[in-house]
Amino acid sequence: MSLSEILKDFQVCVLPSWRLDLLKDYKCDLFINIESIQEMEKEQSLNYINILKNSVNSYIYLRNNIDGHQKVRKAGDFGVLNPTNKSDVENQLLEMFKIKYSQSKNNFYETLFEKK
């Protein structure tokens, strides 16, 4: 089933990271990610951002830990081996988006990116 078919019956769709392939041929006005980029390894999260930035026409809202998830020493421990921090995310998005609003508080950031 395609994302377009799903959205014929629903206005909102929550996608797990392993189904981001559904975004490749879909356009949306707003994409929201709250506290899940930080849960991925940097390679995964940057791939995620590269897929979604081409699908978003207007805005991306992100709320995540500034320094990424807790860094671990070995695979299988709680946390990530290579965390994604705020600057990693911004570096991926600032070519196509500008920061409309950004705030950091209690080691979390929330940023609204607007397409240029």
PDB file of N, CA and C in Angstrom:
ATOM      1  N   MET A   1       0.849  -1.174   0.000  1.00  0.00           N
ATOM      2  CA  MET A   1       0.000   0.000   0.000  1.00  0.00           C
ATOM      3  C   MET A   1       0.895   1.237   0.000  1.00  0.00           C
ATOM      4  N   SER A   2       0.552   2.234  -0.806  1.00  0.00           N
ATOM      5  CA  SER A   2       1.325   3.469  -0.876  1.00  0.00           C
ATOM      6  C   SER A   2       0.849   4.455   0.189  1.00  0.00           C
ATOM      7  N   LEU A   3       1.673   5.440   0.463  1.00  0.00           N
ATOM      8  CA  LEU A   3       1.304   6.470   1.422  1.00  0.00           C
ATOM      9  C   LEU A   3       0.094   7.267   0.928  1.00  0.00           C
ATOM     10  N   SER A   4       0.012   7.520  -0.353  1.00  0.00           N
ATOM     11  CA  SER A   4      -1.142   8.230  -0.913  1.00  0.00           C
ATOM     12  C   SER A   4      -2.437   7.470  -0.661  1.00  0.00           C
ATOM     13  N   GLU A   5      -2.393   6.153  -0.786  1.00  0.00           N
ATOM     14  CA  GLU A   5      -3.580   5.327  -0.518  1.00  0.00           C
ATOM     15  C   GLU A   5      -3.957   5.377   0.954  1.00  0.00           C
ATOM     16  N   ILE A   6      -2.959   5.348   1.833  1.00  0.00           N
ATOM     17  CA  ILE A   6      -3.228   5.421   3.273  1.00  0.00           C
ATOM     18  C   ILE A   6      -3.875   6.756   3.620  1.00  0.00           C
ATOM     19  N   LEU A   7      -3.375   7.842   3.040  1.00  0.00           N
ATOM     20  CA  LEU A   7      -3.861   9.174   3.385  1.00  0.00           C
ATOM     21  C   LEU A   7      -5.194   9.533   2.738  1.00  0.00           C
ATOM     22  N   LYS A   8      -5.733   8.672   1.893  1.00  0.00           N
ATOM     23  CA  LYS A   8      -7.091   8.891   1.387  1.00  0.00           C
ATOM     24  C   LYS A   8      -8.096   8.773   2.527  1.00  0.00           C
ATOM     25  N   ASP A   9      -7.775   7.928   3.510  1.00  0.00           N
ATOM     26  CA  ASP A   9      -8.673   7.699   4.629  1.00  0.00           C
ATOM     27  C   ASP A   9      -8.240   8.398   5.916  1.00  0.00           C
ATOM     28  N   PHE A  10      -7.000   8.901   5.962  1.00  0.00           N
ATOM     29  CA  PHE A  10      -6.474   9.499   7.193  1.00  0.00           C
ATOM     30  C   PHE A  10      -5.722  10.787   6.864  1.00  0.00           C
ATOM     31  N   GLN A  11      -5.711  11.735   7.803  1.00  0.00           N
ATOM     32  CA  GLN A  11      -4.985  12.987   7.603  1.00  0.00           C
ATOM     33  C   GLN A  11      -3.574  12.939   8.185  1.00  0.00           C
ATOM     34  N   VAL A  12      -3.335  12.012   9.082  1.00  0.00           N
ATOM     35  CA  VAL A  12      -2.036  11.885   9.745  1.00  0.00           C
ATOM     36  C   VAL A  12      -1.573  10.448   9.617  1.00  0.00           C
ATOM     37  N   CYS A  13      -0.294  10.282   9.379  1.00  0.00           N
ATOM     38  CA  CYS A  13       0.276   8.938   9.273  1.00  0.00           C
ATOM     39  C   CYS A  13       1.578   8.906  10.071  1.00  0.00           C
ATOM     40  N   VAL A  14       1.705   7.946  10.953  1.00  0.00           N
ATOM     41  CA  VAL A  14       2.929   7.763  11.723  1.00  0.00           C
ATOM     42  C   VAL A  14       3.723   6.648  11.063  1.00  0.00           C
ATOM     43  N   LEU A  15       4.958   6.996  10.638  1.00  0.00           N
ATOM     44  CA  LEU A  15       5.787   6.023   9.927  1.00  0.00           C
ATOM     45  C   LEU A  15       6.951   5.565  10.793  1.00  0.00           C
ATOM     46  N   PRO A  16       7.163   4.286  10.890  1.00  0.00           N
ATOM     47  CA  PRO A  16       8.380   3.810  11.550  1.00  0.00           C
ATOM     48  C   PRO A  16       9.561   4.037  10.614  1.00  0.00           C
ATOM     49  N   SER A  17      10.751   4.131  11.164  1.00  0.00           N
ATOM     50  CA  SER A  17      11.929   4.452  10.354  1.00  0.00           C
ATOM     51  C   SER A  17      12.173   3.442   9.243  1.00  0.00           C
ATOM     52  N   TRP A  18      11.773   2.194   9.435  1.00  0.00           N
ATOM     53  CA  TRP A  18      12.009   1.179   8.404  1.00  0.00           C
ATOM     54  C   TRP A  18      11.021   1.267   7.243  1.00  0.00           C
ATOM     55  N   ARG A  19      10.071   2.211   7.293  1.00  0.00           N
ATOM     56  CA  ARG A  19       9.127   2.414   6.182  1.00  0.00           C
ATOM     57  C   ARG A  19       9.257   3.790   5.545  1.00  0.00           C
ATOM     58  N   LEU A  20      10.377   4.440   5.733  1.00  0.00           N
ATOM     59  CA  LEU A  20      10.588   5.750   5.129  1.00  0.00           C
ATOM     60  C   LEU A  20      10.620   5.700   3.611  1.00  0.00           C
ATOM     61  N   ASP A  21      10.787   4.510   3.066  1.00  0.00           N
ATOM     62  CA  ASP A  21      10.727   4.365   1.608  1.00  0.00           C
ATOM     63  C   ASP A  21       9.396   4.878   1.069  1.00  0.00           C
ATOM     64  N   LEU A  22       8.354   4.894   1.894  1.00  0.00           N
ATOM     65  CA  LEU A  22       7.050   5.412   1.466  1.00  0.00           C
ATOM     66  C   LEU A  22       7.098   6.917   1.163  1.00  0.00           C
ATOM     67  N   LEU A  23       8.075   7.613   1.692  1.00  0.00           N
ATOM     68  CA  LEU A  23       8.172   9.060   1.485  1.00  0.00           C
ATOM     69  C   LEU A  23       8.810   9.449   0.158  1.00  0.00           C
ATOM     70  N   LYS A  24       9.482   8.540  -0.484  1.00  0.00           N
ATOM     71  CA  LYS A  24      10.250   8.878  -1.681  1.00  0.00           C
ATOM     72  C   LYS A  24       9.427   9.548  -2.771  1.00  0.00           C
ATOM     73  N   ASP A  25       8.192   9.149  -2.942  1.00  0.00           N
ATOM     74  CA  ASP A  25       7.343   9.716  -3.988  1.00  0.00           C
ATOM     75  C   ASP A  25       6.173  10.507  -3.415  1.00  0.00           C
ATOM     76  N   TYR A  26       6.312  10.951  -2.175  1.00  0.00           N
ATOM     77  CA  TYR A  26       5.217  11.663  -1.522  1.00  0.00           C
ATOM     78  C   TYR A  26       5.683  13.031  -1.057  1.00  0.00           C
ATOM     79  N   LYS A  27       4.816  14.013  -1.127  1.00  0.00           N
ATOM     80  CA  LYS A  27       5.117  15.361  -0.663  1.00  0.00           C
ATOM     81  C   LYS A  27       4.169  15.725   0.472  1.00  0.00           C
ATOM     82  N   CYS A  28       4.715  16.402   1.487  1.00  0.00           N
ATOM     83  CA  CYS A  28       3.889  16.861   2.599  1.00  0.00           C
ATOM     84  C   CYS A  28       4.311  18.280   2.965  1.00  0.00           C
ATOM     85  N   ASP A  29       3.469  18.973   3.701  1.00  0.00           N
ATOM     86  CA  ASP A  29       3.765  20.352   4.095  1.00  0.00           C
ATOM     87  C   ASP A  29       4.485  20.427   5.434  1.00  0.00           C
ATOM     88  N   LEU A  30       4.260  19.457   6.302  1.00  0.00           N
ATOM     89  CA  LEU A  30       4.844  19.479   7.636  1.00  0.00           C
ATOM     90  C   LEU A  30       5.304  18.085   8.019  1.00  0.00           C
ATOM     91  N   PHE A  31       6.527  17.998   8.507  1.00  0.00           N
ATOM     92  CA  PHE A  31       7.055  16.739   9.033  1.00  0.00           C
ATOM     93  C   PHE A  31       7.490  17.000  10.462  1.00  0.00           C
ATOM     94  N   ILE A  32       7.081  16.125  11.389  1.00  0.00           N
ATOM     95  CA  ILE A  32       7.395  16.278  12.812  1.00  0.00           C
ATOM     96  C   ILE A  32       8.159  15.053  13.287  1.00  0.00           C
ATOM     97  N   ASN A  33       9.255  15.310  13.994  1.00  0.00           N
ATOM     98  CA  ASN A  33      10.011  14.224  14.632  1.00  0.00           C
ATOM     99  C   ASN A  33      10.300  14.646  16.061  1.00  0.00           C
ATOM    100  N   ILE A  34       9.819  13.852  16.995  1.00  0.00           N
ATOM    101  CA  ILE A  34      10.028  14.148  18.413  1.00  0.00           C
ATOM    102  C   ILE A  34      10.734  12.967  19.068  1.00  0.00           C
ATOM    103  N   GLU A  35      11.953  13.235  19.477  1.00  0.00           N
ATOM    104  CA  GLU A  35      12.776  12.312  20.263  1.00  0.00           C
ATOM    105  C   GLU A  35      12.975  10.936  19.637  1.00  0.00           C
ATOM    106  N   SER A  36      13.098  10.872  18.316  1.00  0.00           N
ATOM    107  CA  SER A  36      13.466   9.582  17.735  1.00  0.00           C
ATOM    108  C   SER A  36      14.738   9.649  16.914  1.00  0.00           C
ATOM    109  N   ILE A  37      15.110  10.826  16.394  1.00  0.00           N
ATOM    110  CA  ILE A  37      16.394  10.941  15.699  1.00  0.00           C
ATOM    111  C   ILE A  37      17.520  10.583  16.657  1.00  0.00           C
ATOM    112  N   GLN A  38      17.387  11.010  17.893  1.00  0.00           N
ATOM    113  CA  GLN A  38      18.416  10.737  18.899  1.00  0.00           C
ATOM    114  C   GLN A  38      18.548   9.251  19.210  1.00  0.00           C
ATOM    115  N   GLU A  39      17.551   8.457  18.893  1.00  0.00           N
ATOM    116  CA  GLU A  39      17.572   7.020  19.181  1.00  0.00           C
ATOM    117  C   GLU A  39      18.306   6.210  18.115  1.00  0.00           C
ATOM    118  N   MET A  40      18.626   6.862  16.992  1.00  0.00           N
ATOM    119  CA  MET A  40      19.255   6.163  15.873  1.00  0.00           C
ATOM    120  C   MET A  40      20.755   6.419  15.855  1.00  0.00           C
ATOM    121  N   GLU A  41      21.478   5.486  15.245  1.00  0.00           N
ATOM    122  CA  GLU A  41      22.892   5.723  14.970  1.00  0.00           C
ATOM    123  C   GLU A  41      22.982   6.854  13.946  1.00  0.00           C
ATOM    124  N   LYS A  42      24.084   7.603  13.968  1.00  0.00           N
ATOM    125  CA  LYS A  42      24.231   8.773  13.099  1.00  0.00           C
ATOM    126  C   LYS A  42      23.997   8.429  11.626  1.00  0.00           C
ATOM    127  N   GLU A  43      24.541   7.333  11.145  1.00  0.00           N
ATOM    128  CA  GLU A  43      24.360   6.948   9.741  1.00  0.00           C
ATOM    129  C   GLU A  43      22.876   6.771   9.410  1.00  0.00           C
ATOM    130  N   GLN A  44      22.136   6.137  10.323  1.00  0.00           N
ATOM    131  CA  GLN A  44      20.700   5.928  10.112  1.00  0.00           C
ATOM    132  C   GLN A  44      19.946   7.258  10.117  1.00  0.00           C
ATOM    133  N   SER A  45      20.238   8.105  11.090  1.00  0.00           N
ATOM    134  CA  SER A  45      19.490   9.359  11.211  1.00  0.00           C
ATOM    135  C   SER A  45      19.767  10.297  10.036  1.00  0.00           C
ATOM    136  N   LEU A  46      20.999  10.336   9.552  1.00  0.00           N
ATOM    137  CA  LEU A  46      21.301  11.204   8.415  1.00  0.00           C
ATOM    138  C   LEU A  46      20.646  10.684   7.136  1.00  0.00           C
ATOM    139  N   ASN A  47      20.540   9.385   6.992  1.00  0.00           N
ATOM    140  CA  ASN A  47      19.791   8.803   5.874  1.00  0.00           C
ATOM    141  C   ASN A  47      18.314   9.184   5.983  1.00  0.00           C
ATOM    142  N   TYR A  48      17.772   9.080   7.163  1.00  0.00           N
ATOM    143  CA  TYR A  48      16.380   9.452   7.465  1.00  0.00           C
ATOM    144  C   TYR A  48      16.132  10.906   7.048  1.00  0.00           C
ATOM    145  N   ILE A  49      17.021  11.799   7.459  1.00  0.00           N
ATOM    146  CA  ILE A  49      16.871  13.213   7.135  1.00  0.00           C
ATOM    147  C   ILE A  49      16.979  13.447   5.636  1.00  0.00           C
ATOM    148  N   ASN A  50      17.898  12.772   4.975  1.00  0.00           N
ATOM    149  CA  ASN A  50      18.044  12.940   3.527  1.00  0.00           C
ATOM    150  C   ASN A  50      16.805  12.493   2.773  1.00  0.00           C
ATOM    151  N   ILE A  51      16.150  11.445   3.228  1.00  0.00           N
ATOM    152  CA  ILE A  51      14.914  11.001   2.592  1.00  0.00           C
ATOM    153  C   ILE A  51      13.809  12.012   2.825  1.00  0.00           C
ATOM    154  N   LEU A  52      13.644  12.443   4.067  1.00  0.00           N
ATOM    155  CA  LEU A  52      12.501  13.302   4.368  1.00  0.00           C
ATOM    156  C   LEU A  52      12.659  14.714   3.839  1.00  0.00           C
ATOM    157  N   LYS A  53      13.871  15.249   3.768  1.00  0.00           N
ATOM    158  CA  LYS A  53      14.011  16.652   3.338  1.00  0.00           C
ATOM    159  C   LYS A  53      13.535  16.860   1.903  1.00  0.00           C
ATOM    160  N   ASN A  54      13.572  15.832   1.086  1.00  0.00           N
ATOM    161  CA  ASN A  54      13.078  15.939  -0.284  1.00  0.00           C
ATOM    162  C   ASN A  54      11.563  15.749  -0.384  1.00  0.00           C
ATOM    163  N   SER A  55      10.954  15.292   0.694  1.00  0.00           N
ATOM    164  CA  SER A  55       9.509  15.055   0.700  1.00  0.00           C
ATOM    165  C   SER A  55       8.722  16.214   1.299  1.00  0.00           C
ATOM    166  N   VAL A  56       9.418  17.117   1.971  1.00  0.00           N
ATOM    167  CA  VAL A  56       8.736  18.192   2.694  1.00  0.00           C
ATOM    168  C   VAL A  56       8.732  19.476   1.864  1.00  0.00           C
ATOM    169  N   ASN A  57       7.538  20.021   1.649  1.00  0.00           N
ATOM    170  CA  ASN A  57       7.378  21.252   0.878  1.00  0.00           C
ATOM    171  C   ASN A  57       7.596  22.514   1.709  1.00  0.00           C
ATOM    172  N   SER A  58       7.300  22.461   3.015  1.00  0.00           N
ATOM    173  CA  SER A  58       7.285  23.695   3.804  1.00  0.00           C
ATOM    174  C   SER A  58       8.110  23.637   5.092  1.00  0.00           C
ATOM    175  N   TYR A  59       7.708  22.760   6.032  1.00  0.00           N
ATOM    176  CA  TYR A  59       8.286  22.814   7.372  1.00  0.00           C
ATOM    177  C   TYR A  59       8.704  21.439   7.914  1.00  0.00           C
ATOM    178  N   ILE A  60       9.780  21.474   8.704  1.00  0.00           N
ATOM    179  CA  ILE A  60      10.207  20.305   9.483  1.00  0.00           C
ATOM    180  C   ILE A  60      10.357  20.777  10.920  1.00  0.00           C
ATOM    181  N   TYR A  61       9.668  20.102  11.826  1.00  0.00           N
ATOM    182  CA  TYR A  61       9.782  20.405  13.258  1.00  0.00           C
ATOM    183  C   TYR A  61      10.486  19.238  13.933  1.00  0.00           C
ATOM    184  N   LEU A  62      11.558  19.549  14.672  1.00  0.00           N
ATOM    185  CA  LEU A  62      12.323  18.517  15.373  1.00  0.00           C
ATOM    186  C   LEU A  62      12.470  18.881  16.839  1.00  0.00           C
ATOM    187  N   ARG A  63      12.350  17.874  17.694  1.00  0.00           N
ATOM    188  CA  ARG A  63      12.632  18.017  19.125  1.00  0.00           C
ATOM    189  C   ARG A  63      13.417  16.780  19.539  1.00  0.00           C
ATOM    190  N   ASN A  64      14.678  16.981  19.890  1.00  0.00           N
ATOM    191  CA  ASN A  64      15.547  15.872  20.253  1.00  0.00           C
ATOM    192  C   ASN A  64      16.591  16.341  21.258  1.00  0.00           C
ATOM    193  N   ASN A  65      17.362  15.411  21.777  1.00  0.00           N
ATOM    194  CA  ASN A  65      18.445  15.714  22.703  1.00  0.00           C
ATOM    195  C   ASN A  65      19.564  16.415  21.934  1.00  0.00           C
ATOM    196  N   ILE A  66      20.096  17.491  22.484  1.00  0.00           N
ATOM    197  CA  ILE A  66      21.127  18.287  21.806  1.00  0.00           C
ATOM    198  C   ILE A  66      22.343  17.440  21.446  1.00  0.00           C
ATOM    199  N   ASP A  67      22.746  16.559  22.338  1.00  0.00           N
ATOM    200  CA  ASP A  67      23.950  15.750  22.124  1.00  0.00           C
ATOM    201  C   ASP A  67      23.647  14.347  21.623  1.00  0.00           C
ATOM    202  N   GLY A  68      22.416  14.054  21.302  1.00  0.00           N
ATOM    203  CA  GLY A  68      22.034  12.707  20.890  1.00  0.00           C
ATOM    204  C   GLY A  68      21.841  11.817  22.101  1.00  0.00           C
ATOM    205  N   HIS A  69      21.577  10.581  21.847  1.00  0.00           N
ATOM    206  CA  HIS A  69      21.334   9.598  22.905  1.00  0.00           C
ATOM    207  C   HIS A  69      22.634   9.262  23.619  1.00  0.00           C
ATOM    208  N   GLN A  70      22.493   8.645  24.753  1.00  0.00           N
ATOM    209  CA  GLN A  70      23.647   8.198  25.539  1.00  0.00           C
ATOM    210  C   GLN A  70      24.584   7.347  24.684  1.00  0.00           C
ATOM    211  N   LYS A  71      25.864   7.690  24.702  1.00  0.00           N
ATOM    212  CA  LYS A  71      26.858   6.953  23.929  1.00  0.00           C
ATOM    213  C   LYS A  71      27.296   5.718  24.708  1.00  0.00           C
ATOM    214  N   VAL A  72      27.394   4.585  23.988  1.00  0.00           N
ATOM    215  CA  VAL A  72      27.790   3.329  24.621  1.00  0.00           C
ATOM    216  C   VAL A  72      29.140   2.860  24.085  1.00  0.00           C
ATOM    217  N   ARG A  73      29.736   1.911  24.773  1.00  0.00           N
ATOM    218  CA  ARG A  73      31.044   1.380  24.368  1.00  0.00           C
ATOM    219  C   ARG A  73      30.941   0.213  23.409  1.00  0.00           C
ATOM    220  N   LYS A  74      29.838  -0.554  23.510  1.00  0.00           N
ATOM    221  CA  LYS A  74      29.718  -1.720  22.632  1.00  0.00           C
ATOM    222  C   LYS A  74      28.268  -1.915  22.196  1.00  0.00           C
ATOM    223  N   ALA A  75      28.118  -2.518  21.028  1.00  0.00           N
ATOM    224  CA  ALA A  75      26.783  -2.801  20.483  1.00  0.00           C
ATOM    225  C   ALA A  75      26.024  -3.690  21.451  1.00  0.00           C
ATOM    226  N   GLY A  76      24.747  -3.430  21.568  1.00  0.00           N
ATOM    227  CA  GLY A  76      23.899  -4.221  22.448  1.00  0.00           C
ATOM    228  C   GLY A  76      23.626  -3.546  23.777  1.00  0.00           C
ATOM    229  N   ASP A  77      24.464  -2.579  24.161  1.00  0.00           N
ATOM    230  CA  ASP A  77      24.207  -1.816  25.379  1.00  0.00           C
ATOM    231  C   ASP A  77      23.135  -0.768  25.092  1.00  0.00           C
ATOM    232  N   PHE A  78      22.515  -0.240  26.148  1.00  0.00           N
ATOM    233  CA  PHE A  78      21.484   0.777  26.004  1.00  0.00           C
ATOM    234  C   PHE A  78      22.126   2.086  25.566  1.00  0.00           C
ATOM    235  N   GLY A  79      21.698   2.611  24.434  1.00  0.00           N
ATOM    236  CA  GLY A  79      22.237   3.844  23.883  1.00  0.00           C
ATOM    237  C   GLY A  79      22.650   3.630  22.442  1.00  0.00           C
ATOM    238  N   VAL A  80      23.525   4.495  21.949  1.00  0.00           N
ATOM    239  CA  VAL A  80      24.006   4.395  20.570  1.00  0.00           C
ATOM    240  C   VAL A  80      25.530   4.476  20.542  1.00  0.00           C
ATOM    241  N   LEU A  81      26.118   3.882  19.523  1.00  0.00           N
ATOM    242  CA  LEU A  81      27.569   3.915  19.369  1.00  0.00           C
ATOM    243  C   LEU A  81      28.048   5.261  18.823  1.00  0.00           C
ATOM    244  N   ASN A  82      27.252   5.847  17.929  1.00  0.00           N
ATOM    245  CA  ASN A  82      27.621   7.099  17.285  1.00  0.00           C
ATOM    246  C   ASN A  82      26.405   8.028  17.294  1.00  0.00           C
ATOM    247  N   PRO A  83      26.251   8.846  18.341  1.00  0.00           N
ATOM    248  CA  PRO A  83      25.061   9.682  18.490  1.00  0.00           C
ATOM    249  C   PRO A  83      24.952  10.781  17.424  1.00  0.00           C
ATOM    250  N   THR A  84      23.733  11.183  17.144  1.00  0.00           N
ATOM    251  CA  THR A  84      23.442  12.292  16.249  1.00  0.00           C
ATOM    252  C   THR A  84      23.150  13.513  17.103  1.00  0.00           C
ATOM    253  N   ASN A  85      23.912  14.576  16.925  1.00  0.00           N
ATOM    254  CA  ASN A  85      23.665  15.769  17.727  1.00  0.00           C
ATOM    255  C   ASN A  85      22.958  16.843  16.892  1.00  0.00           C
ATOM    256  N   LYS A  86      22.635  17.927  17.538  1.00  0.00           N
ATOM    257  CA  LYS A  86      21.887  19.009  16.890  1.00  0.00           C
ATOM    258  C   LYS A  86      22.616  19.541  15.655  1.00  0.00           C
ATOM    259  N   SER A  87      23.918  19.736  15.744  1.00  0.00           N
ATOM    260  CA  SER A  87      24.649  20.299  14.595  1.00  0.00           C
ATOM    261  C   SER A  87      24.680  19.325  13.418  1.00  0.00           C
ATOM    262  N   ASP A  88      24.681  18.018  13.668  1.00  0.00           N
ATOM    263  CA  ASP A  88      24.606  17.034  12.580  1.00  0.00           C
ATOM    264  C   ASP A  88      23.315  17.226  11.787  1.00  0.00           C
ATOM    265  N   VAL A  89      22.230  17.385  12.517  1.00  0.00           N
ATOM    266  CA  VAL A  89      20.914  17.567  11.886  1.00  0.00           C
ATOM    267  C   VAL A  89      20.875  18.877  11.098  1.00  0.00           C
ATOM    268  N   GLU A  90      21.332  19.945  11.721  1.00  0.00           N
ATOM    269  CA  GLU A  90      21.319  21.245  11.049  1.00  0.00           C
ATOM    270  C   GLU A  90      22.170  21.221   9.780  1.00  0.00           C
ATOM    271  N   ASN A  91      23.334  20.602   9.849  1.00  0.00           N
ATOM    272  CA  ASN A  91      24.202  20.529   8.670  1.00  0.00           C
ATOM    273  C   ASN A  91      23.517  19.818   7.503  1.00  0.00           C
ATOM    274  N   GLN A  92      22.688  18.828   7.796  1.00  0.00           N
ATOM    275  CA  GLN A  92      21.975  18.101   6.743  1.00  0.00           C
ATOM    276  C   GLN A  92      20.830  18.918   6.147  1.00  0.00           C
ATOM    277  N   LEU A  93      20.234  19.798   6.942  1.00  0.00           N
ATOM    278  CA  LEU A  93      19.028  20.496   6.493  1.00  0.00           C
ATOM    279  C   LEU A  93      19.259  21.909   5.977  1.00  0.00           C
ATOM    280  N   LEU A  94      20.323  22.577   6.400  1.00  0.00           N
ATOM    281  CA  LEU A  94      20.456  24.001   6.104  1.00  0.00           C
ATOM    282  C   LEU A  94      20.716  24.332   4.643  1.00  0.00           C
ATOM    283  N   GLU A  95      21.034  23.370   3.827  1.00  0.00           N
ATOM    284  CA  GLU A  95      21.177  23.637   2.398  1.00  0.00           C
ATOM    285  C   GLU A  95      19.810  23.935   1.761  1.00  0.00           C
ATOM    286  N   MET A  96      18.792  23.222   2.218  1.00  0.00           N
ATOM    287  CA  MET A  96      17.452  23.364   1.636  1.00  0.00           C
ATOM    288  C   MET A  96      16.475  24.120   2.537  1.00  0.00           C
ATOM    289  N   PHE A  97      16.804  24.255   3.818  1.00  0.00           N
ATOM    290  CA  PHE A  97      15.898  24.858   4.796  1.00  0.00           C
ATOM    291  C   PHE A  97      16.629  25.946   5.577  1.00  0.00           C
ATOM    292  N   LYS A  98      15.851  26.882   6.103  1.00  0.00           N
ATOM    293  CA  LYS A  98      16.393  27.867   7.035  1.00  0.00           C
ATOM    294  C   LYS A  98      15.721  27.645   8.387  1.00  0.00           C
ATOM    295  N   ILE A  99      16.365  28.103   9.431  1.00  0.00           N
ATOM    296  CA  ILE A  99      15.797  27.956  10.770  1.00  0.00           C
ATOM    297  C   ILE A  99      14.834  29.111  11.006  1.00  0.00           C
ATOM    298  N   LYS A 100      13.578  28.766  11.182  1.00  0.00           N
ATOM    299  CA  LYS A 100      12.543  29.765  11.449  1.00  0.00           C
ATOM    300  C   LYS A 100      12.441  30.034  12.953  1.00  0.00           C
ATOM    301  N   TYR A 101      12.648  28.993  13.757  1.00  0.00           N
ATOM    302  CA  TYR A 101      12.557  29.102  15.212  1.00  0.00           C
ATOM    303  C   TYR A 101      13.439  28.017  15.813  1.00  0.00           C
ATOM    304  N   SER A 102      14.155  28.372  16.877  1.00  0.00           N
ATOM    305  CA  SER A 102      14.946  27.366  17.575  1.00  0.00           C
ATOM    306  C   SER A 102      15.079  27.745  19.034  1.00  0.00           C
ATOM    307  N   GLN A 103      14.963  26.749  19.877  1.00  0.00           N
ATOM    308  CA  GLN A 103      15.092  26.958  21.312  1.00  0.00           C
ATOM    309  C   GLN A 103      15.742  25.724  21.922  1.00  0.00           C
ATOM    310  N   SER A 104      16.624  25.943  22.884  1.00  0.00           N
ATOM    311  CA  SER A 104      17.244  24.837  23.617  1.00  0.00           C
ATOM    312  C   SER A 104      16.940  25.007  25.089  1.00  0.00           C
ATOM    313  N   LYS A 105      16.567  23.880  25.722  1.00  0.00           N
ATOM    314  CA  LYS A 105      16.216  23.918  27.141  1.00  0.00           C
ATOM    315  C   LYS A 105      16.379  22.520  27.716  1.00  0.00           C
ATOM    316  N   ASN A 106      17.010  22.420  28.872  1.00  0.00           N
ATOM    317  CA  ASN A 106      17.181  21.137  29.566  1.00  0.00           C
ATOM    318  C   ASN A 106      17.801  20.068  28.674  1.00  0.00           C
ATOM    319  N   ASN A 107      18.816  20.440  27.914  1.00  0.00           N
ATOM    320  CA  ASN A 107      19.562  19.547  27.029  1.00  0.00           C
ATOM    321  C   ASN A 107      18.752  19.037  25.828  1.00  0.00           C
ATOM    322  N   PHE A 108      17.620  19.653  25.546  1.00  0.00           N
ATOM    323  CA  PHE A 108      16.825  19.328  24.362  1.00  0.00           C
ATOM    324  C   PHE A 108      16.730  20.568  23.489  1.00  0.00           C
ATOM    325  N   TYR A 109      16.604  20.358  22.203  1.00  0.00           N
ATOM    326  CA  TYR A 109      16.356  21.462  21.290  1.00  0.00           C
ATOM    327  C   TYR A 109      15.025  21.215  20.609  1.00  0.00           C
ATOM    328  N   GLU A 110      14.408  22.297  20.235  1.00  0.00           N
ATOM    329  CA  GLU A 110      13.267  22.221  19.325  1.00  0.00           C
ATOM    330  C   GLU A 110      13.517  23.260  18.252  1.00  0.00           C
ATOM    331  N   THR A 111      13.407  22.829  17.027  1.00  0.00           N
ATOM    332  CA  THR A 111      13.696  23.699  15.902  1.00  0.00           C
ATOM    333  C   THR A 111      12.643  23.504  14.817  1.00  0.00           C
ATOM    334  N   LEU A 112      12.219  24.619  14.278  1.00  0.00           N
ATOM    335  CA  LEU A 112      11.310  24.614  13.141  1.00  0.00           C
ATOM    336  C   LEU A 112      12.123  25.088  11.938  1.00  0.00           C
ATOM    337  N   PHE A 113      12.254  24.220  10.956  1.00  0.00           N
ATOM    338  CA  PHE A 113      12.956  24.533   9.721  1.00  0.00           C
ATOM    339  C   PHE A 113      11.911  24.874   8.664  1.00  0.00           C
ATOM    340  N   GLU A 114      12.194  25.903   7.886  1.00  0.00           N
ATOM    341  CA  GLU A 114      11.307  26.313   6.792  1.00  0.00           C
ATOM    342  C   GLU A 114      12.052  26.167   5.479  1.00  0.00           C
ATOM    343  N   LYS A 115      11.397  25.594   4.494  1.00  0.00           N
ATOM    344  CA  LYS A 115      12.029  25.406   3.183  1.00  0.00           C
ATOM    345  C   LYS A 115      12.361  26.762   2.571  1.00  0.00           C
ATOM    346  N   LYS A 116      13.556  26.863   1.991  1.00  0.00           N
ATOM    347  CA  LYS A 116      13.982  28.111   1.356  1.00  0.00           C
ATOM    348  C   LYS A 116      13.244  28.336   0.042  1.00  0.00           C
TER     349      LYS A 116
END
